[in-house]
N, C-alpha and C. Protein backbone atom coordinates (compact mmCIF):
# COMPACT_ATOMS: atom_id res chain seq x y z
N UNK A 1 -168.10 161.64 87.05
CA UNK A 1 -167.29 161.19 88.16
C UNK A 1 -167.27 159.67 88.23
N UNK A 2 -168.35 159.02 87.89
CA UNK A 2 -168.44 157.59 88.07
C UNK A 2 -168.52 156.84 86.76
N UNK A 3 -168.19 157.53 85.70
CA UNK A 3 -168.17 156.89 84.40
C UNK A 3 -166.84 157.23 83.75
N UNK A 4 -166.44 156.43 82.83
CA UNK A 4 -165.17 156.67 82.15
C UNK A 4 -165.45 156.74 80.66
N UNK A 5 -164.97 157.77 80.02
CA UNK A 5 -165.15 157.89 78.58
C UNK A 5 -163.82 157.54 77.92
N UNK A 6 -163.87 156.58 77.03
CA UNK A 6 -162.69 156.17 76.26
C UNK A 6 -163.05 156.34 74.80
N UNK A 7 -162.54 157.38 74.18
CA UNK A 7 -162.92 157.67 72.81
C UNK A 7 -164.39 158.01 72.76
N UNK A 8 -165.14 157.34 71.93
CA UNK A 8 -166.57 157.60 71.83
C UNK A 8 -167.39 156.67 72.71
N UNK A 9 -166.74 155.78 73.43
CA UNK A 9 -167.45 154.80 74.23
C UNK A 9 -167.37 155.12 75.71
N UNK A 10 -168.43 154.80 76.43
CA UNK A 10 -168.43 154.93 77.88
C UNK A 10 -168.28 153.56 78.49
N UNK A 11 -167.44 153.47 79.50
CA UNK A 11 -167.30 152.24 80.25
C UNK A 11 -168.51 152.16 81.19
N UNK A 12 -168.94 150.98 81.46
CA UNK A 12 -170.12 150.76 82.28
C UNK A 12 -169.94 151.35 83.68
N UNK A 13 -171.05 151.67 84.32
CA UNK A 13 -171.07 152.15 85.70
C UNK A 13 -170.23 151.22 86.57
N UNK A 14 -169.45 151.81 87.46
CA UNK A 14 -168.53 151.06 88.28
C UNK A 14 -168.98 151.12 89.74
N UNK A 15 -169.62 150.07 90.22
CA UNK A 15 -170.14 150.05 91.59
C UNK A 15 -169.02 150.19 92.62
N UNK A 16 -167.88 149.57 92.35
CA UNK A 16 -166.75 149.66 93.29
C UNK A 16 -166.31 151.12 93.46
N UNK A 17 -166.22 151.86 92.34
CA UNK A 17 -165.83 153.26 92.38
C UNK A 17 -166.89 154.08 93.13
N UNK A 18 -168.14 153.81 92.85
CA UNK A 18 -169.25 154.49 93.52
C UNK A 18 -169.18 154.26 95.03
N UNK A 19 -168.95 153.03 95.44
CA UNK A 19 -168.85 152.71 96.86
C UNK A 19 -167.64 153.41 97.49
N UNK A 20 -166.53 153.48 96.74
CA UNK A 20 -165.34 154.17 97.24
C UNK A 20 -165.63 155.65 97.47
N UNK A 21 -166.30 156.28 96.51
CA UNK A 21 -166.64 157.70 96.65
C UNK A 21 -167.55 157.90 97.86
N UNK A 22 -168.55 157.06 98.02
CA UNK A 22 -169.44 157.20 99.17
C UNK A 22 -168.69 156.99 100.49
N UNK A 23 -167.73 156.09 100.52
CA UNK A 23 -166.90 155.90 101.71
C UNK A 23 -166.07 157.14 102.01
N UNK A 24 -165.52 157.73 100.98
CA UNK A 24 -164.76 158.98 101.15
C UNK A 24 -165.68 160.07 101.71
N UNK A 25 -166.83 160.25 101.09
CA UNK A 25 -167.75 161.30 101.53
C UNK A 25 -168.18 161.09 102.98
N UNK A 26 -168.41 159.84 103.35
CA UNK A 26 -168.83 159.55 104.73
C UNK A 26 -167.81 160.06 105.73
N UNK A 27 -166.55 160.08 105.34
CA UNK A 27 -165.49 160.50 106.24
C UNK A 27 -165.15 161.98 106.17
N UNK A 28 -165.39 162.63 105.05
CA UNK A 28 -164.93 164.02 104.90
C UNK A 28 -166.02 165.07 105.03
N UNK A 29 -167.30 164.67 104.91
CA UNK A 29 -168.40 165.63 105.02
C UNK A 29 -168.71 165.88 106.49
N UNK A 30 -168.81 167.17 106.84
CA UNK A 30 -169.22 167.57 108.19
C UNK A 30 -170.46 168.44 108.06
N UNK A 31 -171.03 168.81 109.19
CA UNK A 31 -172.21 169.69 109.15
C UNK A 31 -171.88 171.05 108.55
N UNK A 32 -170.60 171.42 108.54
CA UNK A 32 -170.17 172.71 108.00
C UNK A 32 -169.77 172.66 106.53
N UNK A 33 -169.71 171.47 105.95
CA UNK A 33 -169.30 171.33 104.55
C UNK A 33 -170.36 171.95 103.64
N UNK A 34 -169.92 172.80 102.72
CA UNK A 34 -170.84 173.38 101.74
C UNK A 34 -170.95 172.43 100.56
N UNK A 35 -172.18 172.13 100.18
CA UNK A 35 -172.45 171.22 99.06
C UNK A 35 -173.02 172.06 97.93
N UNK A 36 -172.44 171.93 96.75
CA UNK A 36 -172.89 172.75 95.62
C UNK A 36 -172.94 171.89 94.35
N UNK A 37 -173.93 172.14 93.53
CA UNK A 37 -174.10 171.41 92.27
C UNK A 37 -173.87 172.37 91.11
N UNK A 38 -173.09 171.92 90.13
CA UNK A 38 -172.87 172.71 88.91
C UNK A 38 -173.25 171.88 87.70
N UNK A 39 -173.50 172.57 86.60
CA UNK A 39 -173.85 171.89 85.34
C UNK A 39 -172.61 171.35 84.63
N UNK A 40 -171.58 172.19 84.54
CA UNK A 40 -170.34 171.82 83.83
C UNK A 40 -169.13 172.17 84.68
N UNK A 41 -168.04 171.47 84.48
CA UNK A 41 -166.86 171.57 85.32
C UNK A 41 -166.31 172.99 85.46
N UNK A 42 -166.30 173.76 84.37
CA UNK A 42 -165.67 175.08 84.43
C UNK A 42 -166.43 176.06 85.33
N UNK A 43 -167.65 175.73 85.74
CA UNK A 43 -168.41 176.59 86.65
C UNK A 43 -167.82 176.60 88.05
N UNK A 44 -166.96 175.65 88.36
CA UNK A 44 -166.36 175.62 89.70
C UNK A 44 -165.52 176.86 89.95
N UNK A 45 -164.90 177.41 88.92
CA UNK A 45 -164.06 178.60 89.10
C UNK A 45 -164.87 179.76 89.67
N UNK A 46 -166.06 179.99 89.12
CA UNK A 46 -166.91 181.07 89.63
C UNK A 46 -167.39 180.76 91.04
N UNK A 47 -167.69 179.49 91.31
CA UNK A 47 -168.09 179.08 92.66
C UNK A 47 -166.98 179.40 93.66
N UNK A 48 -165.74 179.06 93.32
CA UNK A 48 -164.62 179.34 94.22
C UNK A 48 -164.46 180.84 94.45
N UNK A 49 -164.59 181.63 93.39
CA UNK A 49 -164.50 183.09 93.54
C UNK A 49 -165.63 183.62 94.40
N UNK A 50 -166.85 183.15 94.15
CA UNK A 50 -168.02 183.62 94.91
C UNK A 50 -167.91 183.28 96.39
N UNK A 51 -167.21 182.21 96.71
CA UNK A 51 -167.05 181.78 98.11
C UNK A 51 -165.72 182.19 98.71
N UNK A 52 -165.04 183.11 98.03
CA UNK A 52 -163.76 183.68 98.49
C UNK A 52 -162.73 182.60 98.84
N UNK A 53 -162.69 181.57 98.01
CA UNK A 53 -161.71 180.50 98.20
C UNK A 53 -160.42 180.90 97.49
N UNK A 54 -159.31 180.85 98.22
CA UNK A 54 -157.99 181.20 97.65
C UNK A 54 -156.98 180.14 98.05
N UNK A 55 -156.05 179.86 97.16
CA UNK A 55 -154.94 178.95 97.45
C UNK A 55 -155.40 177.65 98.11
N UNK A 56 -156.46 177.08 97.59
CA UNK A 56 -157.03 175.88 98.19
C UNK A 56 -156.30 174.61 97.74
N UNK A 57 -156.59 173.56 98.46
CA UNK A 57 -156.19 172.23 98.02
C UNK A 57 -157.42 171.63 97.35
N UNK A 58 -157.29 171.30 96.10
CA UNK A 58 -158.41 170.77 95.31
C UNK A 58 -158.16 169.30 95.04
N UNK A 59 -159.11 168.48 95.42
CA UNK A 59 -159.08 167.05 95.10
C UNK A 59 -160.18 166.81 94.08
N UNK A 60 -159.79 166.47 92.88
CA UNK A 60 -160.73 166.26 91.78
C UNK A 60 -160.86 164.76 91.54
N UNK A 61 -162.05 164.23 91.77
CA UNK A 61 -162.31 162.81 91.51
C UNK A 61 -163.01 162.76 90.16
N UNK A 62 -162.27 162.34 89.15
CA UNK A 62 -162.76 162.44 87.78
C UNK A 62 -161.96 161.49 86.91
N UNK A 63 -162.55 161.09 85.82
CA UNK A 63 -161.83 160.24 84.87
C UNK A 63 -160.86 161.03 84.01
N UNK A 64 -161.01 162.36 84.00
CA UNK A 64 -160.14 163.23 83.21
C UNK A 64 -159.45 164.23 84.12
N UNK A 65 -158.25 164.64 83.78
CA UNK A 65 -157.48 165.53 84.64
C UNK A 65 -158.05 166.94 84.70
N UNK A 66 -158.70 167.39 83.64
CA UNK A 66 -159.28 168.74 83.56
C UNK A 66 -158.22 169.84 83.64
N UNK A 67 -156.97 169.49 83.37
CA UNK A 67 -155.89 170.48 83.37
C UNK A 67 -155.80 171.14 82.00
N UNK A 68 -155.71 170.33 80.98
CA UNK A 68 -155.68 170.82 79.61
C UNK A 68 -155.76 169.63 78.67
N UNK A 69 -156.27 169.87 77.50
CA UNK A 69 -156.23 168.86 76.45
C UNK A 69 -155.55 169.45 75.23
N UNK A 70 -154.77 170.51 75.48
CA UNK A 70 -153.96 171.17 74.46
C UNK A 70 -154.79 171.70 73.30
N UNK A 71 -156.01 172.08 73.62
CA UNK A 71 -156.82 172.82 72.67
C UNK A 71 -156.56 174.29 72.95
N UNK A 72 -157.46 175.14 72.62
CA UNK A 72 -157.31 176.57 72.88
C UNK A 72 -157.43 176.82 74.38
N UNK A 73 -156.32 177.14 75.02
CA UNK A 73 -156.32 177.40 76.45
C UNK A 73 -156.44 178.89 76.77
N UNK A 74 -156.87 179.68 75.80
CA UNK A 74 -157.04 181.11 76.06
C UNK A 74 -158.40 181.42 76.68
N UNK A 75 -159.30 180.45 76.64
CA UNK A 75 -160.65 180.63 77.17
C UNK A 75 -160.96 179.49 78.14
N UNK A 76 -161.49 179.84 79.29
CA UNK A 76 -161.90 178.84 80.28
C UNK A 76 -162.94 177.91 79.69
N UNK A 77 -162.73 176.60 79.87
CA UNK A 77 -163.71 175.62 79.42
C UNK A 77 -163.61 174.38 80.29
N UNK A 78 -164.40 173.36 79.98
CA UNK A 78 -164.45 172.16 80.82
C UNK A 78 -163.16 171.34 80.75
N UNK A 79 -162.34 171.59 79.74
CA UNK A 79 -161.10 170.83 79.58
C UNK A 79 -159.91 171.45 80.31
N UNK A 80 -160.04 172.70 80.77
CA UNK A 80 -158.87 173.37 81.33
C UNK A 80 -159.16 174.16 82.61
N UNK A 81 -160.29 173.93 83.25
CA UNK A 81 -160.67 174.74 84.41
C UNK A 81 -159.62 174.71 85.52
N UNK A 82 -158.91 173.60 85.66
CA UNK A 82 -157.91 173.51 86.72
C UNK A 82 -156.76 174.49 86.45
N UNK A 83 -156.32 174.57 85.21
CA UNK A 83 -155.25 175.53 84.87
C UNK A 83 -155.69 176.95 85.19
N UNK A 84 -156.92 177.30 84.83
CA UNK A 84 -157.41 178.64 85.13
C UNK A 84 -157.52 178.86 86.64
N UNK A 85 -157.94 177.86 87.38
CA UNK A 85 -158.02 177.98 88.84
C UNK A 85 -156.64 178.18 89.45
N UNK A 86 -155.64 177.52 88.87
CA UNK A 86 -154.25 177.73 89.33
C UNK A 86 -153.78 179.15 88.99
N UNK A 87 -154.01 179.58 87.76
CA UNK A 87 -153.57 180.91 87.33
C UNK A 87 -154.24 182.01 88.14
N UNK A 88 -155.51 181.79 88.53
CA UNK A 88 -156.25 182.78 89.31
C UNK A 88 -156.02 182.64 90.82
N UNK A 89 -155.12 181.72 91.20
CA UNK A 89 -154.77 181.47 92.59
C UNK A 89 -155.97 181.01 93.44
N UNK A 90 -156.90 180.35 92.81
CA UNK A 90 -158.01 179.74 93.53
C UNK A 90 -157.58 178.39 94.09
N UNK A 91 -156.71 177.72 93.35
CA UNK A 91 -156.18 176.41 93.73
C UNK A 91 -154.67 176.49 93.82
N UNK A 92 -154.14 176.04 94.94
CA UNK A 92 -152.68 175.98 95.12
C UNK A 92 -152.18 174.57 94.86
N UNK A 93 -152.78 173.60 95.52
CA UNK A 93 -152.39 172.20 95.38
C UNK A 93 -153.51 171.44 94.69
N UNK A 94 -153.15 170.71 93.64
CA UNK A 94 -154.14 169.96 92.88
C UNK A 94 -153.82 168.47 92.95
N UNK A 95 -154.81 167.70 93.35
CA UNK A 95 -154.69 166.24 93.42
C UNK A 95 -155.81 165.65 92.57
N UNK A 96 -155.42 164.82 91.63
CA UNK A 96 -156.39 164.19 90.75
C UNK A 96 -156.52 162.72 91.13
N UNK A 97 -157.72 162.30 91.50
CA UNK A 97 -158.00 160.90 91.78
C UNK A 97 -158.79 160.37 90.60
N UNK A 98 -158.27 159.35 89.96
CA UNK A 98 -158.83 158.90 88.69
C UNK A 98 -159.13 157.41 88.70
N UNK A 99 -159.73 156.99 87.64
CA UNK A 99 -160.09 155.61 87.39
C UNK A 99 -158.88 154.89 86.77
N UNK A 100 -158.75 153.57 86.95
CA UNK A 100 -157.62 152.85 86.36
C UNK A 100 -157.51 152.99 84.84
N UNK A 101 -158.61 153.23 84.16
CA UNK A 101 -158.59 153.32 82.69
C UNK A 101 -158.40 154.75 82.17
N UNK A 102 -158.22 155.70 83.07
CA UNK A 102 -158.06 157.09 82.65
C UNK A 102 -156.77 157.30 81.86
N UNK A 103 -156.85 158.19 80.87
CA UNK A 103 -155.66 158.58 80.13
C UNK A 103 -154.82 159.53 80.98
N UNK A 104 -153.54 159.26 81.05
CA UNK A 104 -152.65 160.11 81.82
C UNK A 104 -152.19 161.30 80.99
N UNK A 105 -152.06 162.43 81.64
CA UNK A 105 -151.57 163.63 81.00
C UNK A 105 -150.05 163.54 80.92
N UNK A 106 -149.50 163.63 79.72
CA UNK A 106 -148.05 163.47 79.55
C UNK A 106 -147.28 164.74 79.89
N UNK A 107 -147.87 165.89 79.60
CA UNK A 107 -147.23 167.18 79.88
C UNK A 107 -148.28 168.08 80.52
N UNK A 108 -147.91 168.73 81.61
CA UNK A 108 -148.84 169.63 82.29
C UNK A 108 -148.15 170.97 82.53
N UNK A 109 -148.91 172.04 82.60
CA UNK A 109 -148.33 173.37 82.82
C UNK A 109 -147.91 173.63 84.26
N UNK A 110 -148.15 172.69 85.16
CA UNK A 110 -147.76 172.83 86.57
C UNK A 110 -147.65 171.43 87.18
N UNK A 111 -147.00 171.36 88.33
CA UNK A 111 -146.87 170.09 89.04
C UNK A 111 -148.17 169.77 89.77
N UNK A 112 -148.51 168.51 89.79
CA UNK A 112 -149.69 168.05 90.51
C UNK A 112 -149.48 166.59 90.89
N UNK A 113 -150.32 166.12 91.80
CA UNK A 113 -150.28 164.72 92.20
C UNK A 113 -151.49 164.02 91.62
N UNK A 114 -151.32 162.75 91.35
CA UNK A 114 -152.47 161.95 90.91
C UNK A 114 -152.36 160.55 91.46
N UNK A 115 -153.53 159.97 91.71
CA UNK A 115 -153.62 158.62 92.26
C UNK A 115 -154.81 157.93 91.62
N UNK A 116 -154.67 156.65 91.39
CA UNK A 116 -155.80 155.83 91.00
C UNK A 116 -156.55 155.48 92.29
N UNK A 117 -157.87 155.59 92.27
CA UNK A 117 -158.62 155.34 93.49
C UNK A 117 -158.37 153.93 94.03
N UNK A 118 -158.05 152.98 93.16
CA UNK A 118 -157.82 151.61 93.63
C UNK A 118 -156.52 151.47 94.41
N UNK A 119 -155.63 152.45 94.27
CA UNK A 119 -154.35 152.42 94.98
C UNK A 119 -154.40 153.12 96.33
N UNK A 120 -155.51 153.80 96.61
CA UNK A 120 -155.64 154.53 97.87
C UNK A 120 -156.34 153.67 98.89
N UNK A 121 -155.84 153.71 100.12
CA UNK A 121 -156.58 153.01 101.17
C UNK A 121 -157.75 153.90 101.57
N UNK A 122 -158.63 153.39 102.34
CA UNK A 122 -159.82 154.15 102.72
C UNK A 122 -159.67 154.83 104.07
N UNK A 123 -158.44 155.14 104.47
CA UNK A 123 -158.21 155.83 105.73
C UNK A 123 -158.22 157.33 105.49
N UNK A 124 -159.38 157.94 105.70
CA UNK A 124 -159.52 159.38 105.51
C UNK A 124 -159.70 160.09 106.84
N UNK A 125 -159.28 159.46 107.93
CA UNK A 125 -159.41 160.07 109.24
C UNK A 125 -158.68 161.41 109.28
N UNK A 126 -159.34 162.39 109.85
CA UNK A 126 -158.72 163.70 110.00
C UNK A 126 -158.85 164.59 108.78
N UNK A 127 -159.35 164.07 107.67
CA UNK A 127 -159.52 164.87 106.46
C UNK A 127 -160.97 165.33 106.41
N UNK A 128 -161.18 166.63 106.35
CA UNK A 128 -162.52 167.18 106.28
C UNK A 128 -162.61 168.13 105.09
N UNK A 129 -163.76 168.14 104.44
CA UNK A 129 -163.96 168.98 103.25
C UNK A 129 -164.73 170.24 103.64
N UNK A 130 -164.21 171.39 103.21
CA UNK A 130 -164.92 172.64 103.39
C UNK A 130 -166.01 172.80 102.33
N UNK A 131 -165.71 172.34 101.12
CA UNK A 131 -166.63 172.45 99.99
C UNK A 131 -166.62 171.14 99.21
N UNK A 132 -167.80 170.73 98.78
CA UNK A 132 -167.91 169.62 97.83
C UNK A 132 -168.74 170.14 96.67
N UNK A 133 -168.16 170.10 95.49
CA UNK A 133 -168.84 170.56 94.29
C UNK A 133 -169.06 169.35 93.40
N UNK A 134 -170.32 169.09 93.10
CA UNK A 134 -170.69 167.96 92.26
C UNK A 134 -171.09 168.48 90.89
N UNK A 135 -170.64 167.81 89.86
CA UNK A 135 -170.91 168.26 88.50
C UNK A 135 -171.83 167.29 87.76
N UNK A 136 -172.86 167.85 87.17
CA UNK A 136 -173.78 167.03 86.38
C UNK A 136 -173.15 166.60 85.06
N UNK A 137 -172.31 167.44 84.48
CA UNK A 137 -171.59 167.14 83.24
C UNK A 137 -172.53 166.54 82.18
N UNK A 138 -173.55 167.28 81.86
CA UNK A 138 -174.62 166.78 81.00
C UNK A 138 -174.15 166.35 79.60
N UNK A 139 -173.08 166.95 79.10
CA UNK A 139 -172.60 166.60 77.76
C UNK A 139 -171.84 165.28 77.73
N UNK A 140 -171.38 164.83 78.89
CA UNK A 140 -170.57 163.62 78.91
C UNK A 140 -171.13 162.51 79.79
N UNK A 141 -172.23 162.77 80.44
CA UNK A 141 -172.84 161.75 81.29
C UNK A 141 -173.92 161.02 80.49
N UNK A 142 -173.78 159.72 80.33
CA UNK A 142 -174.83 158.98 79.64
C UNK A 142 -176.16 159.17 80.39
N UNK A 143 -177.27 159.28 79.66
CA UNK A 143 -178.56 159.54 80.30
C UNK A 143 -178.91 158.57 81.42
N UNK A 144 -178.50 157.33 81.29
CA UNK A 144 -178.85 156.35 82.33
C UNK A 144 -178.12 156.60 83.65
N UNK A 145 -177.09 157.47 83.63
CA UNK A 145 -176.36 157.79 84.86
C UNK A 145 -176.61 159.22 85.33
N UNK A 146 -177.51 159.93 84.69
CA UNK A 146 -177.75 161.34 85.01
C UNK A 146 -178.21 161.55 86.45
N UNK A 147 -178.79 160.55 87.07
CA UNK A 147 -179.28 160.67 88.44
C UNK A 147 -178.15 160.64 89.48
N UNK A 148 -176.97 160.13 89.12
CA UNK A 148 -175.92 159.90 90.11
C UNK A 148 -175.46 161.15 90.86
N UNK A 149 -175.16 162.28 90.18
CA UNK A 149 -174.73 163.46 90.96
C UNK A 149 -175.80 163.91 91.96
N UNK A 150 -177.06 163.86 91.57
CA UNK A 150 -178.13 164.25 92.49
C UNK A 150 -178.24 163.27 93.65
N UNK A 151 -178.05 162.00 93.36
CA UNK A 151 -178.07 160.98 94.42
C UNK A 151 -176.93 161.22 95.40
N UNK A 152 -175.75 161.54 94.88
CA UNK A 152 -174.60 161.80 95.75
C UNK A 152 -174.82 163.07 96.56
N UNK A 153 -175.43 164.09 95.94
CA UNK A 153 -175.72 165.31 96.68
C UNK A 153 -176.67 164.99 97.83
N UNK A 154 -177.69 164.18 97.57
CA UNK A 154 -178.62 163.78 98.64
C UNK A 154 -177.90 163.05 99.76
N UNK A 155 -176.96 162.20 99.40
CA UNK A 155 -176.17 161.48 100.40
C UNK A 155 -175.35 162.45 101.24
N UNK A 156 -174.73 163.44 100.58
CA UNK A 156 -173.93 164.45 101.30
C UNK A 156 -174.83 165.23 102.27
N UNK A 157 -176.00 165.62 101.82
CA UNK A 157 -176.90 166.36 102.69
C UNK A 157 -177.37 165.49 103.87
N UNK A 158 -177.55 164.21 103.61
CA UNK A 158 -177.90 163.29 104.69
C UNK A 158 -176.77 163.22 105.71
N UNK A 159 -175.53 163.15 105.22
CA UNK A 159 -174.37 163.11 106.13
C UNK A 159 -174.26 164.38 106.97
N UNK A 160 -174.64 165.51 106.37
CA UNK A 160 -174.63 166.80 107.09
C UNK A 160 -175.76 166.89 108.10
N UNK A 161 -176.75 166.02 107.98
CA UNK A 161 -177.91 166.08 108.85
C UNK A 161 -179.00 166.99 108.30
N UNK A 162 -178.95 167.27 106.99
CA UNK A 162 -179.92 168.17 106.36
C UNK A 162 -181.04 167.43 105.64
N UNK A 163 -180.94 166.15 105.51
CA UNK A 163 -181.95 165.43 104.72
C UNK A 163 -182.94 164.72 105.60
């Protein structure tokens, strides 16, 4: 979530992006928000099914769209979980919030909205999250940033009044 992969290289940790995410969380987390941690992105589909989530609005804050990378889309994986969530009617509206250096998807199997986080103002009044799912993404997170999802989860729990 807070790193950008460009080819084989990772862009350095982005404090501005991290601060933006924390500002968003401060406004959208309530005591009723469910906080969940997953190992890899495609696990969110099972989480949504297990929590009886249907036709949701999904806001994905990620450097990659997770819609498809035009590999084998016959099997759910970390590159296409959003498409499977749409096909399974777990997600109705998909909004991708990305980093300025993210690669844009030229062709997608469905319509979606996307915004660079730097283009969004920080007015999140009235927006509340029912679920926040944080991904460790162990295969793509450089070891020096592995603590970040757990740190963000702790922050979310603090906002809920659980920490």
